[in-house]
Amino acid sequence: MIHVTFLGPIEEQVLELDVKNLRELKEALEKIPAVKKWLHISAVALNDTICENLDTPLKSGDKVVILPPVCGGEK
């Protein structure tokens, strides 16, 4: 099982999923409406390293963080 955490405005609890690679993870997350709308603009960190290759394999115990773009502050 891998652990998936969502940051910022994505209001979803930590998930534990059994997937083989980031492509399978993306397919699973697209089934969750609150997450789907953020996936196309979010970065993905695998064990604290940004990862873009959907064919990246995942193994039990891996930690994935979905990082939506963050902006804010005052001028």
Protein backbone atom coordinates (compact mmCIF):
# COMPACT_ATOMS: atom_id res chain seq x y z
CA MET A 1 0.00 0.00 0.00
CA ILE A 2 1.11 3.54 -0.72
CA HIS A 3 0.07 6.59 1.29
CA VAL A 4 -1.37 9.59 -0.59
CA THR A 5 -1.60 12.99 1.10
CA PHE A 6 -3.29 16.09 -0.31
CA LEU A 7 -2.14 19.63 0.47
CA GLY A 8 -3.67 23.07 0.18
CA PRO A 9 -7.27 23.39 -0.96
CA ILE A 10 -7.74 19.70 -1.81
CA GLU A 11 -10.06 18.57 0.92
CA GLU A 12 -9.46 14.84 1.02
CA GLN A 13 -8.26 12.54 3.76
CA VAL A 14 -5.02 10.58 3.50
CA LEU A 15 -5.58 7.55 1.30
CA GLU A 16 -3.93 4.15 1.29
CA LEU A 17 -4.00 2.56 -2.15
CA ASP A 18 -2.56 -0.52 -3.82
CA VAL A 19 -1.31 0.70 -7.20
CA LYS A 20 1.74 -0.25 -9.28
CA ASN A 21 2.76 3.12 -10.73
CA LEU A 22 1.83 6.79 -10.91
CA ARG A 23 -0.40 6.16 -13.93
CA GLU A 24 -2.58 3.74 -11.92
CA LEU A 25 -2.61 6.23 -9.06
CA LYS A 26 -3.80 9.01 -11.38
CA GLU A 27 -6.59 6.77 -12.70
CA ALA A 28 -7.71 5.98 -9.14
CA LEU A 29 -7.62 9.63 -8.06
CA GLU A 30 -9.62 10.77 -11.10
CA LYS A 31 -12.56 8.83 -9.65
CA ILE A 32 -12.70 11.21 -6.66
CA PRO A 33 -14.48 14.44 -7.72
CA ALA A 34 -12.82 16.64 -5.05
CA VAL A 35 -9.40 15.51 -6.28
CA LYS A 36 -10.00 15.19 -10.03
CA LYS A 37 -10.43 18.92 -10.60
CA TRP A 38 -6.94 19.58 -9.15
CA LEU A 39 -4.91 16.78 -10.77
CA HIS A 40 -4.13 18.50 -14.07
CA ILE A 41 -2.54 21.51 -12.32
CA SER A 42 -0.89 19.77 -9.37
CA ALA A 43 2.65 18.55 -8.88
CA VAL A 44 3.30 15.09 -7.47
CA ALA A 45 6.00 14.33 -4.93
CA LEU A 46 7.12 10.75 -4.43
CA ASN A 47 9.04 10.29 -1.19
CA ASP A 48 9.80 14.05 -1.09
CA THR A 49 10.96 14.29 -4.73
CA ILE A 50 8.88 15.89 -7.48
CA CYS A 51 8.05 13.26 -10.09
CA GLU A 52 6.48 13.73 -13.53
CA ASN A 53 6.85 10.32 -15.19
CA LEU A 54 3.55 8.42 -14.98
CA ASP A 55 5.41 5.13 -15.51
CA THR A 56 7.33 5.59 -12.24
CA PRO A 57 6.85 2.40 -10.22
CA LEU A 58 5.45 2.54 -6.70
CA LYS A 59 6.18 0.12 -3.88
CA SER A 60 4.58 -0.57 -0.55
CA GLY A 61 5.33 2.18 1.94
CA ASP A 62 5.90 4.93 -0.64
CA LYS A 63 4.55 8.35 0.27
CA VAL A 64 2.92 10.42 -2.45
CA VAL A 65 1.90 14.04 -1.93
CA ILE A 66 -0.40 15.89 -4.32
CA LEU A 67 0.69 19.54 -4.40
CA PRO A 68 -1.75 22.02 -5.97
CA PRO A 69 -0.39 25.40 -7.00
CA VAL A 70 -0.38 27.86 -4.13
CA CYS A 71 -0.66 31.62 -4.41
CA GLY A 72 -1.56 34.40 -2.10
CA GLY A 73 -0.19 37.20 -0.05
CA GLU A 74 -0.87 40.89 -0.14
CA LYS A 75 0.57 43.59 -2.33
